[in-house]
Amino acid sequence: VTLNLLLIPHYQAFGAAVAALCTQTFIAVAMAGLCLRYYDLRPSVRGLAGLLGFAALQLLAAWMIFRQSGLPWIAGTGLFLLQGLVSAVLFRLLDFRILKVLAAR
């Protein structure tokens, strides 16, 4: 709330985006900390490397699709989502076998 009150009057939509990004980052870090503390989850180096590789590829793809390609925004968004799905499978962040088991329940 404080970030919204400080940033939105001066920066408008950009301020709202920055406040949302800060809030979501804080929540993600806090949730990761709670998982480490209460569930003793320890991510593997391979898992972290895959996640960082996926994030880097997504940033590169977003830059290329939205800044360099000249595609209309709707086509760029569809292409970005498709690229993200394929990348998640390639980096083994998404396993269709597990999704089938979850969907069957």
PDB file of N, CA and C in Angstrom:
ATOM      1  N   VAL A   1       0.835  -1.185   0.000  1.00  0.00           N
ATOM      2  CA  VAL A   1       0.000   0.000   0.000  1.00  0.00           C
ATOM      3  C   VAL A   1       0.884   1.254   0.000  1.00  0.00           C
ATOM      4  N   THR A   2       1.947   1.209   0.799  1.00  0.00           N
ATOM      5  CA  THR A   2       2.832   2.372   0.878  1.00  0.00           C
ATOM      6  C   THR A   2       3.487   2.659  -0.468  1.00  0.00           C
ATOM      7  N   LEU A   3       3.965   1.611  -1.129  1.00  0.00           N
ATOM      8  CA  LEU A   3       4.570   1.828  -2.447  1.00  0.00           C
ATOM      9  C   LEU A   3       3.563   2.414  -3.424  1.00  0.00           C
ATOM     10  N   ASN A   4       2.337   1.920  -3.387  1.00  0.00           N
ATOM     11  CA  ASN A   4       1.307   2.470  -4.272  1.00  0.00           C
ATOM     12  C   ASN A   4       1.073   3.945  -3.977  1.00  0.00           C
ATOM     13  N   LEU A   5       0.980   4.285  -2.695  1.00  0.00           N
ATOM     14  CA  LEU A   5       0.734   5.681  -2.320  1.00  0.00           C
ATOM     15  C   LEU A   5       1.894   6.597  -2.728  1.00  0.00           C
ATOM     16  N   LEU A   6       3.106   6.056  -2.676  1.00  0.00           N
ATOM     17  CA  LEU A   6       4.272   6.867  -3.032  1.00  0.00           C
ATOM     18  C   LEU A   6       4.513   6.948  -4.543  1.00  0.00           C
ATOM     19  N   LEU A   7       4.336   5.849  -5.230  1.00  0.00           N
ATOM     20  CA  LEU A   7       4.743   5.782  -6.626  1.00  0.00           C
ATOM     21  C   LEU A   7       3.653   6.160  -7.635  1.00  0.00           C
ATOM     22  N   ILE A   8       2.416   5.782  -7.379  1.00  0.00           N
ATOM     23  CA  ILE A   8       1.371   6.008  -8.380  1.00  0.00           C
ATOM     24  C   ILE A   8       1.102   7.486  -8.643  1.00  0.00           C
ATOM     25  N   PRO A   9       1.018   8.357  -7.615  1.00  0.00           N
ATOM     26  CA  PRO A   9       0.746   9.761  -7.930  1.00  0.00           C
ATOM     27  C   PRO A   9       1.815  10.405  -8.822  1.00  0.00           C
ATOM     28  N   HIS A  10       3.048   9.995  -8.666  1.00  0.00           N
ATOM     29  CA  HIS A  10       4.125  10.625  -9.436  1.00  0.00           C
ATOM     30  C   HIS A  10       4.383   9.919 -10.764  1.00  0.00           C
ATOM     31  N   TYR A  11       4.377   8.573 -10.764  1.00  0.00           N
ATOM     32  CA  TYR A  11       4.753   7.820 -11.958  1.00  0.00           C
ATOM     33  C   TYR A  11       3.581   7.134 -12.651  1.00  0.00           C
ATOM     34  N   GLN A  12       2.395   7.242 -12.124  1.00  0.00           N
ATOM     35  CA  GLN A  12       1.164   6.660 -12.642  1.00  0.00           C
ATOM     36  C   GLN A  12       1.282   5.165 -12.928  1.00  0.00           C
ATOM     37  N   ALA A  13       1.042   4.735 -14.172  1.00  0.00           N
ATOM     38  CA  ALA A  13       1.023   3.305 -14.495  1.00  0.00           C
ATOM     39  C   ALA A  13       2.384   2.657 -14.245  1.00  0.00           C
ATOM     40  N   PHE A  14       3.465   3.358 -14.562  1.00  0.00           N
ATOM     41  CA  PHE A  14       4.793   2.812 -14.316  1.00  0.00           C
ATOM     42  C   PHE A  14       5.016   2.602 -12.823  1.00  0.00           C
ATOM     43  N   GLY A  15       4.551   3.524 -12.004  1.00  0.00           N
ATOM     44  CA  GLY A  15       4.663   3.385 -10.558  1.00  0.00           C
ATOM     45  C   GLY A  15       3.877   2.199 -10.034  1.00  0.00           C
ATOM     46  N   ALA A  16       2.689   1.969 -10.601  1.00  0.00           N
ATOM     47  CA  ALA A  16       1.895   0.811 -10.202  1.00  0.00           C
ATOM     48  C   ALA A  16       2.610  -0.480 -10.580  1.00  0.00           C
ATOM     49  N   ALA A  17       3.242  -0.492 -11.751  1.00  0.00           N
ATOM     50  CA  ALA A  17       3.975  -1.681 -12.181  1.00  0.00           C
ATOM     51  C   ALA A  17       5.177  -1.943 -11.283  1.00  0.00           C
ATOM     52  N   VAL A  18       5.899  -0.902 -10.916  1.00  0.00           N
ATOM     53  CA  VAL A  18       7.056  -1.059 -10.028  1.00  0.00           C
ATOM     54  C   VAL A  18       6.607  -1.550  -8.652  1.00  0.00           C
ATOM     55  N   ALA A  19       5.520  -0.993  -8.135  1.00  0.00           N
ATOM     56  CA  ALA A  19       5.010  -1.419  -6.833  1.00  0.00           C
ATOM     57  C   ALA A  19       4.585  -2.884  -6.881  1.00  0.00           C
ATOM     58  N   ALA A  20       3.923  -3.294  -7.952  1.00  0.00           N
ATOM     59  CA  ALA A  20       3.507  -4.688  -8.093  1.00  0.00           C
ATOM     60  C   ALA A  20       4.712  -5.612  -8.192  1.00  0.00           C
ATOM     61  N   LEU A  21       5.722  -5.206  -8.952  1.00  0.00           N
ATOM     62  CA  LEU A  21       6.929  -6.016  -9.093  1.00  0.00           C
ATOM     63  C   LEU A  21       7.634  -6.175  -7.746  1.00  0.00           C
ATOM     64  N   CYS A  22       7.742  -5.102  -7.002  1.00  0.00           N
ATOM     65  CA  CYS A  22       8.380  -5.177  -5.678  1.00  0.00           C
ATOM     66  C   CYS A  22       7.592  -6.089  -4.742  1.00  0.00           C
ATOM     67  N   THR A  23       6.280  -5.964  -4.752  1.00  0.00           N
ATOM     68  CA  THR A  23       5.436  -6.790  -3.896  1.00  0.00           C
ATOM     69  C   THR A  23       5.565  -8.263  -4.262  1.00  0.00           C
ATOM     70  N   GLN A  24       5.478  -8.572  -5.551  1.00  0.00           N
ATOM     71  CA  GLN A  24       5.559  -9.965  -5.988  1.00  0.00           C
ATOM     72  C   GLN A  24       6.937 -10.563  -5.703  1.00  0.00           C
ATOM     73  N   THR A  25       7.986  -9.765  -5.864  1.00  0.00           N
ATOM     74  CA  THR A  25       9.333 -10.246  -5.564  1.00  0.00           C
ATOM     75  C   THR A  25       9.470 -10.555  -4.074  1.00  0.00           C
ATOM     76  N   PHE A  26       8.968  -9.671  -3.238  1.00  0.00           N
ATOM     77  CA  PHE A  26       9.017  -9.897  -1.789  1.00  0.00           C
ATOM     78  C   PHE A  26       8.266 -11.176  -1.416  1.00  0.00           C
ATOM     79  N   ILE A  27       7.078 -11.360  -1.966  1.00  0.00           N
ATOM     80  CA  ILE A  27       6.277 -12.548  -1.654  1.00  0.00           C
ATOM     81  C   ILE A  27       6.981 -13.813  -2.137  1.00  0.00           C
ATOM     82  N   ALA A  28       7.580 -13.785  -3.317  1.00  0.00           N
ATOM     83  CA  ALA A  28       8.286 -14.960  -3.847  1.00  0.00           C
ATOM     84  C   ALA A  28       9.466 -15.337  -2.958  1.00  0.00           C
ATOM     85  N   VAL A  29      10.237 -14.352  -2.546  1.00  0.00           N
ATOM     86  CA  VAL A  29      11.388 -14.623  -1.685  1.00  0.00           C
ATOM     87  C   VAL A  29      10.918 -15.128  -0.314  1.00  0.00           C
ATOM     88  N   ALA A  30       9.862 -14.534   0.216  1.00  0.00           N
ATOM     89  CA  ALA A  30       9.337 -14.975   1.513  1.00  0.00           C
ATOM     90  C   ALA A  30       8.807 -16.404   1.432  1.00  0.00           C
ATOM     91  N   MET A  31       8.096 -16.742   0.364  1.00  0.00           N
ATOM     92  CA  MET A  31       7.569 -18.098   0.206  1.00  0.00           C
ATOM     93  C   MET A  31       8.702 -19.106   0.053  1.00  0.00           C
ATOM     94  N   ALA A  32       9.732 -18.749  -0.698  1.00  0.00           N
ATOM     95  CA  ALA A  32      10.886 -19.635  -0.843  1.00  0.00           C
ATOM     96  C   ALA A  32      11.551 -19.848   0.517  1.00  0.00           C
ATOM     97  N   GLY A  33      11.699 -18.793   1.287  1.00  0.00           N
ATOM     98  CA  GLY A  33      12.275 -18.905   2.627  1.00  0.00           C
ATOM     99  C   GLY A  33      11.447 -19.789   3.539  1.00  0.00           C
ATOM    100  N   LEU A  34      10.128 -19.645   3.473  1.00  0.00           N
ATOM    101  CA  LEU A  34       9.263 -20.492   4.296  1.00  0.00           C
ATOM    102  C   LEU A  34       9.344 -21.958   3.880  1.00  0.00           C
ATOM    103  N   CYS A  35       9.432 -22.208   2.588  1.00  0.00           N
ATOM    104  CA  CYS A  35       9.572 -23.593   2.118  1.00  0.00           C
ATOM    105  C   CYS A  35      10.886 -24.196   2.593  1.00  0.00           C
ATOM    106  N   LEU A  36      11.943 -23.403   2.544  1.00  0.00           N
ATOM    107  CA  LEU A  36      13.235 -23.902   3.027  1.00  0.00           C
ATOM    108  C   LEU A  36      13.195 -24.181   4.518  1.00  0.00           C
ATOM    109  N   ARG A  37      12.514 -23.325   5.248  1.00  0.00           N
ATOM    110  CA  ARG A  37      12.502 -23.452   6.703  1.00  0.00           C
ATOM    111  C   ARG A  37      11.583 -24.571   7.197  1.00  0.00           C
ATOM    112  N   TYR A  38      10.349 -24.597   6.709  1.00  0.00           N
ATOM    113  CA  TYR A  38       9.363 -25.517   7.262  1.00  0.00           C
ATOM    114  C   TYR A  38       9.305 -26.866   6.564  1.00  0.00           C
ATOM    115  N   TYR A  39       9.662 -26.918   5.295  1.00  0.00           N
ATOM    116  CA  TYR A  39       9.563 -28.179   4.561  1.00  0.00           C
ATOM    117  C   TYR A  39      10.921 -28.756   4.212  1.00  0.00           C
ATOM    118  N   ASP A  40      11.969 -28.094   4.612  1.00  0.00           N
ATOM    119  CA  ASP A  40      13.335 -28.560   4.377  1.00  0.00           C
ATOM    120  C   ASP A  40      13.579 -28.887   2.900  1.00  0.00           C
ATOM    121  N   LEU A  41      13.030 -28.061   2.023  1.00  0.00           N
ATOM    122  CA  LEU A  41      13.248 -28.239   0.590  1.00  0.00           C
ATOM    123  C   LEU A  41      14.577 -27.610   0.210  1.00  0.00           C
ATOM    124  N   ARG A  42      15.403 -28.377  -0.426  1.00  0.00           N
ATOM    125  CA  ARG A  42      16.701 -27.889  -0.875  1.00  0.00           C
ATOM    126  C   ARG A  42      16.785 -28.066  -2.382  1.00  0.00           C
ATOM    127  N   PRO A  43      16.759 -26.979  -3.135  1.00  0.00           N
ATOM    128  CA  PRO A  43      16.820 -27.109  -4.591  1.00  0.00           C
ATOM    129  C   PRO A  43      18.191 -27.609  -5.036  1.00  0.00           C
ATOM    130  N   SER A  44      18.185 -28.395  -6.092  1.00  0.00           N
ATOM    131  CA  SER A  44      19.446 -28.905  -6.630  1.00  0.00           C
ATOM    132  C   SER A  44      20.102 -27.831  -7.492  1.00  0.00           C
ATOM    133  N   VAL A  45      21.390 -27.963  -7.673  1.00  0.00           N
ATOM    134  CA  VAL A  45      22.122 -27.033  -8.535  1.00  0.00           C
ATOM    135  C   VAL A  45      21.597 -27.136  -9.965  1.00  0.00           C
ATOM    136  N   ARG A  46      21.314 -28.367 -10.393  1.00  0.00           N
ATOM    137  CA  ARG A  46      20.776 -28.567 -11.752  1.00  0.00           C
ATOM    138  C   ARG A  46      19.415 -27.883 -11.904  1.00  0.00           C
ATOM    139  N   GLY A  47      18.566 -28.015 -10.893  1.00  0.00           N
ATOM    140  CA  GLY A  47      17.252 -27.381 -10.936  1.00  0.00           C
ATOM    141  C   GLY A  47      17.347 -25.861 -10.987  1.00  0.00           C
ATOM    142  N   LEU A  48      18.219 -25.300 -10.165  1.00  0.00           N
ATOM    143  CA  LEU A  48      18.407 -23.849 -10.165  1.00  0.00           C
ATOM    144  C   LEU A  48      18.999 -23.358 -11.484  1.00  0.00           C
ATOM    145  N   ALA A  49      19.953 -24.127 -12.029  1.00  0.00           N
ATOM    146  CA  ALA A  49      20.543 -23.754 -13.315  1.00  0.00           C
ATOM    147  C   ALA A  49      19.498 -23.794 -14.418  1.00  0.00           C
ATOM    148  N   GLY A  50      18.642 -24.796 -14.397  1.00  0.00           N
ATOM    149  CA  GLY A  50      17.571 -24.880 -15.382  1.00  0.00           C
ATOM    150  C   GLY A  50      16.596 -23.719 -15.266  1.00  0.00           C
ATOM    151  N   LEU A  51      16.260 -23.355 -14.049  1.00  0.00           N
ATOM    152  CA  LEU A  51      15.346 -22.241 -13.828  1.00  0.00           C
ATOM    153  C   LEU A  51      15.960 -20.920 -14.283  1.00  0.00           C
ATOM    154  N   LEU A  52      17.239 -20.708 -13.974  1.00  0.00           N
ATOM    155  CA  LEU A  52      17.919 -19.490 -14.421  1.00  0.00           C
ATOM    156  C   LEU A  52      18.060 -19.458 -15.940  1.00  0.00           C
ATOM    157  N   GLY A  53      18.352 -20.610 -16.540  1.00  0.00           N
ATOM    158  CA  GLY A  53      18.424 -20.687 -17.997  1.00  0.00           C
ATOM    159  C   GLY A  53      17.087 -20.379 -18.649  1.00  0.00           C
ATOM    160  N   PHE A  54      16.024 -20.924 -18.072  1.00  0.00           N
ATOM    161  CA  PHE A  54      14.679 -20.645 -18.575  1.00  0.00           C
ATOM    162  C   PHE A  54      14.357 -19.154 -18.473  1.00  0.00           C
ATOM    163  N   ALA A  55      14.663 -18.552 -17.331  1.00  0.00           N
ATOM    164  CA  ALA A  55      14.392 -17.124 -17.139  1.00  0.00           C
ATOM    165  C   ALA A  55      15.185 -16.274 -18.121  1.00  0.00           C
ATOM    166  N   ALA A  56      16.449 -16.617 -18.330  1.00  0.00           N
ATOM    167  CA  ALA A  56      17.276 -15.870 -19.284  1.00  0.00           C
ATOM    168  C   ALA A  56      16.729 -16.010 -20.701  1.00  0.00           C
ATOM    169  N   LEU A  57      16.312 -17.219 -21.069  1.00  0.00           N
ATOM    170  CA  LEU A  57      15.742 -17.429 -22.400  1.00  0.00           C
ATOM    171  C   LEU A  57      14.445 -16.655 -22.558  1.00  0.00           C
ATOM    172  N   GLN A  58      13.627 -16.608 -21.517  1.00  0.00           N
ATOM    173  CA  GLN A  58      12.372 -15.848 -21.584  1.00  0.00           C
ATOM    174  C   GLN A  58      12.638 -14.351 -21.763  1.00  0.00           C
ATOM    175  N   LEU A  59      13.618 -13.830 -21.042  1.00  0.00           N
ATOM    176  CA  LEU A  59      13.951 -12.410 -21.202  1.00  0.00           C
ATOM    177  C   LEU A  59      14.453 -12.110 -22.605  1.00  0.00           C
ATOM    178  N   LEU A  60      15.299 -12.972 -23.136  1.00  0.00           N
ATOM    179  CA  LEU A  60      15.802 -12.797 -24.492  1.00  0.00           C
ATOM    180  C   LEU A  60      14.672 -12.902 -25.512  1.00  0.00           C
ATOM    181  N   ALA A  61      13.807 -13.880 -25.329  1.00  0.00           N
ATOM    182  CA  ALA A  61      12.688 -14.051 -26.251  1.00  0.00           C
ATOM    183  C   ALA A  61      11.738 -12.856 -26.198  1.00  0.00           C
ATOM    184  N   ALA A  62      11.470 -12.356 -25.007  1.00  0.00           N
ATOM    185  CA  ALA A  62      10.591 -11.189 -24.879  1.00  0.00           C
ATOM    186  C   ALA A  62      11.184  -9.993 -25.597  1.00  0.00           C
ATOM    187  N   TRP A  63      12.465  -9.777 -25.421  1.00  0.00           N
ATOM    188  CA  TRP A  63      13.121  -8.652 -26.101  1.00  0.00           C
ATOM    189  C   TRP A  63      13.050  -8.822 -27.614  1.00  0.00           C
ATOM    190  N   MET A  64      13.352 -10.024 -28.087  1.00  0.00           N
ATOM    191  CA  MET A  64      13.348 -10.251 -29.533  1.00  0.00           C
ATOM    192  C   MET A  64      11.938 -10.144 -30.124  1.00  0.00           C
ATOM    193  N   ILE A  65      10.966 -10.724 -29.450  1.00  0.00           N
ATOM    194  CA  ILE A  65       9.604 -10.742 -29.988  1.00  0.00           C
ATOM    195  C   ILE A  65       8.959  -9.368 -29.926  1.00  0.00           C
ATOM    196  N   PHE A  66       9.072  -8.693 -28.789  1.00  0.00           N
ATOM    197  CA  PHE A  66       8.331  -7.451 -28.609  1.00  0.00           C
ATOM    198  C   PHE A  66       9.087  -6.206 -29.065  1.00  0.00           C
ATOM    199  N   ARG A  67      10.395  -6.258 -29.109  1.00  0.00           N
ATOM    200  CA  ARG A  67      11.165  -5.078 -29.508  1.00  0.00           C
ATOM    201  C   ARG A  67      11.748  -5.166 -30.904  1.00  0.00           C
ATOM    202  N   GLN A  68      12.099  -6.360 -31.347  1.00  0.00           N
ATOM    203  CA  GLN A  68      12.832  -6.491 -32.594  1.00  0.00           C
ATOM    204  C   GLN A  68      12.006  -7.032 -33.762  1.00  0.00           C
ATOM    205  N   SER A  69      10.940  -7.778 -33.499  1.00  0.00           N
ATOM    206  CA  SER A  69      10.249  -8.469 -34.587  1.00  0.00           C
ATOM    207  C   SER A  69       9.288  -7.585 -35.366  1.00  0.00           C
ATOM    208  N   GLY A  70       8.691  -6.591 -34.732  1.00  0.00           N
ATOM    209  CA  GLY A  70       7.708  -5.758 -35.411  1.00  0.00           C
ATOM    210  C   GLY A  70       6.345  -6.420 -35.548  1.00  0.00           C
ATOM    211  N   LEU A  71       6.135  -7.536 -34.850  1.00  0.00           N
ATOM    212  CA  LEU A  71       4.840  -8.218 -34.895  1.00  0.00           C
ATOM    213  C   LEU A  71       3.798  -7.404 -34.138  1.00  0.00           C
ATOM    214  N   PRO A  72       2.521  -7.523 -34.520  1.00  0.00           N
ATOM    215  CA  PRO A  72       1.466  -6.916 -33.692  1.00  0.00           C
ATOM    216  C   PRO A  72       1.493  -7.541 -32.297  1.00  0.00           C
ATOM    217  N   TRP A  73       1.055  -6.790 -31.299  1.00  0.00           N
ATOM    218  CA  TRP A  73       1.180  -7.241 -29.920  1.00  0.00           C
ATOM    219  C   TRP A  73       0.460  -8.553 -29.672  1.00  0.00           C
ATOM    220  N   ILE A  74      -0.672  -8.788 -30.305  1.00  0.00           N
ATOM    221  CA  ILE A  74      -1.423 -10.026 -30.061  1.00  0.00           C
ATOM    222  C   ILE A  74      -0.666 -11.234 -30.621  1.00  0.00           C
ATOM    223  N   ALA A  75      -0.059 -11.074 -31.787  1.00  0.00           N
ATOM    224  CA  ALA A  75       0.734 -12.156 -32.371  1.00  0.00           C
ATOM    225  C   ALA A  75       1.999 -12.384 -31.542  1.00  0.00           C
ATOM    226  N   GLY A  76       2.617 -11.312 -31.092  1.00  0.00           N
ATOM    227  CA  GLY A  76       3.806 -11.432 -30.251  1.00  0.00           C
ATOM    228  C   GLY A  76       3.505 -12.132 -28.944  1.00  0.00           C
ATOM    229  N   THR A  77       2.360 -11.820 -28.350  1.00  0.00           N
ATOM    230  CA  THR A  77       1.973 -12.453 -27.098  1.00  0.00           C
ATOM    231  C   THR A  77       1.744 -13.945 -27.296  1.00  0.00           C
ATOM    232  N   GLY A  78       1.050 -14.312 -28.371  1.00  0.00           N
ATOM    233  CA  GLY A  78       0.838 -15.728 -28.662  1.00  0.00           C
ATOM    234  C   GLY A  78       2.145 -16.461 -28.892  1.00  0.00           C
ATOM    235  N   LEU A  79       3.038 -15.851 -29.657  1.00  0.00           N
ATOM    236  CA  LEU A  79       4.341 -16.451 -29.920  1.00  0.00           C
ATOM    237  C   LEU A  79       5.155 -16.584 -28.633  1.00  0.00           C
ATOM    238  N   PHE A  80       5.097 -15.578 -27.790  1.00  0.00           N
ATOM    239  CA  PHE A  80       5.825 -15.611 -26.513  1.00  0.00           C
ATOM    240  C   PHE A  80       5.293 -16.722 -25.613  1.00  0.00           C
ATOM    241  N   LEU A  81       3.975 -16.879 -25.545  1.00  0.00           N
ATOM    242  CA  LEU A  81       3.394 -17.944 -24.732  1.00  0.00           C
ATOM    243  C   LEU A  81       3.773 -19.320 -25.260  1.00  0.00           C
ATOM    244  N   LEU A  82       3.748 -19.483 -26.571  1.00  0.00           N
ATOM    245  CA  LEU A  82       4.143 -20.748 -27.174  1.00  0.00           C
ATOM    246  C   LEU A  82       5.619 -21.041 -26.898  1.00  0.00           C
ATOM    247  N   GLN A  83       6.451 -20.047 -27.050  1.00  0.00           N
ATOM    248  CA  GLN A  83       7.878 -20.203 -26.784  1.00  0.00           C
ATOM    249  C   GLN A  83       8.104 -20.566 -25.320  1.00  0.00           C
ATOM    250  N   GLY A  84       7.360 -19.954 -24.415  1.00  0.00           N
ATOM    251  CA  GLY A  84       7.491 -20.259 -22.997  1.00  0.00           C
ATOM    252  C   GLY A  84       7.087 -21.693 -22.676  1.00  0.00           C
ATOM    253  N   LEU A  85       6.027 -22.168 -23.304  1.00  0.00           N
ATOM    254  CA  LEU A  85       5.587 -23.543 -23.098  1.00  0.00           C
ATOM    255  C   LEU A  85       6.636 -24.529 -23.598  1.00  0.00           C
ATOM    256  N   VAL A  86       7.153 -24.297 -24.797  1.00  0.00           N
ATOM    257  CA  VAL A  86       8.187 -25.182 -25.358  1.00  0.00           C
ATOM    258  C   VAL A  86       9.444 -25.138 -24.499  1.00  0.00           C
ATOM    259  N   SER A  87       9.844 -23.956 -24.061  1.00  0.00           N
ATOM    260  CA  SER A  87      11.043 -23.827 -23.218  1.00  0.00           C
ATOM    261  C   SER A  87      10.860 -24.525 -21.880  1.00  0.00           C
ATOM    262  N   ALA A  88       9.672 -24.426 -21.292  1.00  0.00           N
ATOM    263  CA  ALA A  88       9.415 -25.088 -20.012  1.00  0.00           C
ATOM    264  C   ALA A  88       9.541 -26.597 -20.147  1.00  0.00           C
ATOM    265  N   VAL A  89       9.094 -27.138 -21.264  1.00  0.00           N
ATOM    266  CA  VAL A  89       9.239 -28.576 -21.499  1.00  0.00           C
ATOM    267  C   VAL A  89      10.707 -28.927 -21.717  1.00  0.00           C
ATOM    268  N   LEU A  90      11.410 -28.129 -22.529  1.00  0.00           N
ATOM    269  CA  LEU A  90      12.823 -28.406 -22.816  1.00  0.00           C
ATOM    270  C   LEU A  90      13.697 -28.316 -21.566  1.00  0.00           C
ATOM    271  N   PHE A  91      13.403 -27.365 -20.693  1.00  0.00           N
ATOM    272  CA  PHE A  91      14.171 -27.222 -19.453  1.00  0.00           C
ATOM    273  C   PHE A  91      13.649 -28.139 -18.345  1.00  0.00           C
ATOM    274  N   ARG A  92      12.686 -28.966 -18.681  1.00  0.00           N
ATOM    275  CA  ARG A  92      12.075 -29.927 -17.763  1.00  0.00           C
ATOM    276  C   ARG A  92      11.460 -29.262 -16.533  1.00  0.00           C
ATOM    277  N   LEU A  93      10.899 -28.086 -16.753  1.00  0.00           N
ATOM    278  CA  LEU A  93      10.157 -27.417 -15.689  1.00  0.00           C
ATOM    279  C   LEU A  93       8.698 -27.846 -15.718  1.00  0.00           C
ATOM    280  N   LEU A  94       8.270 -28.404 -16.837  1.00  0.00           N
ATOM    281  CA  LEU A  94       6.894 -28.846 -17.033  1.00  0.00           C
ATOM    282  C   LEU A  94       6.941 -30.282 -17.520  1.00  0.00           C
ATOM    283  N   ASP A  95       6.281 -31.170 -16.799  1.00  0.00           N
ATOM    284  CA  ASP A  95       6.259 -32.589 -17.151  1.00  0.00           C
ATOM    285  C   ASP A  95       4.809 -32.985 -17.397  1.00  0.00           C
ATOM    286  N   PHE A  96       4.511 -33.357 -18.647  1.00  0.00           N
ATOM    287  CA  PHE A  96       3.135 -33.678 -19.007  1.00  0.00           C
ATOM    288  C   PHE A  96       2.628 -34.935 -18.306  1.00  0.00           C
ATOM    289  N   ARG A  97       3.513 -35.857 -17.949  1.00  0.00           N
ATOM    290  CA  ARG A  97       3.074 -37.059 -17.232  1.00  0.00           C
ATOM    291  C   ARG A  97       2.504 -36.691 -15.872  1.00  0.00           C
ATOM    292  N   ILE A  98       3.149 -35.762 -15.189  1.00  0.00           N
ATOM    293  CA  ILE A  98       2.647 -35.329 -13.877  1.00  0.00           C
ATOM    294  C   ILE A  98       1.340 -34.569 -14.033  1.00  0.00           C
ATOM    295  N   LEU A  99       1.243 -33.750 -15.086  1.00  0.00           N
ATOM    296  CA  LEU A  99      -0.004 -33.025 -15.322  1.00  0.00           C
ATOM    297  C   LEU A  99      -1.166 -33.971 -15.597  1.00  0.00           C
ATOM    298  N   LYS A 100      -0.914 -35.064 -16.312  1.00  0.00           N
ATOM    299  CA  LYS A 100      -1.967 -36.041 -16.579  1.00  0.00           C
ATOM    300  C   LYS A 100      -2.436 -36.699 -15.299  1.00  0.00           C
ATOM    301  N   VAL A 101      -1.507 -37.014 -14.405  1.00  0.00           N
ATOM    302  CA  VAL A 101      -1.869 -37.618 -13.122  1.00  0.00           C
ATOM    303  C   VAL A 101      -2.682 -36.629 -12.288  1.00  0.00           C
ATOM    304  N   LEU A 102      -2.264 -35.380 -12.267  1.00  0.00           N
ATOM    305  CA  LEU A 102      -3.007 -34.372 -11.499  1.00  0.00           C
ATOM    306  C   LEU A 102      -4.392 -34.125 -12.079  1.00  0.00           C
ATOM    307  N   ALA A 103      -4.504 -34.128 -13.396  1.00  0.00           N
ATOM    308  CA  ALA A 103      -5.794 -33.890 -14.043  1.00  0.00           C
ATOM    309  C   ALA A 103      -6.749 -35.051 -13.807  1.00  0.00           C
ATOM    310  N   ALA A 104      -6.216 -36.252 -13.617  1.00  0.00           N
ATOM    311  CA  ALA A 104      -7.055 -37.420 -13.417  1.00  0.00           C
ATOM    312  C   ALA A 104      -7.685 -37.451 -12.013  1.00  0.00           C
ATOM    313  N   ARG A 105      -7.133 -36.687 -11.092  1.00  0.00           N
ATOM    314  CA  ARG A 105      -7.653 -36.711  -9.720  1.00  0.00           C
ATOM    315  C   ARG A 105      -8.869 -35.898  -9.580  1.00  0.00           C
TER     316      ARG A 105
END
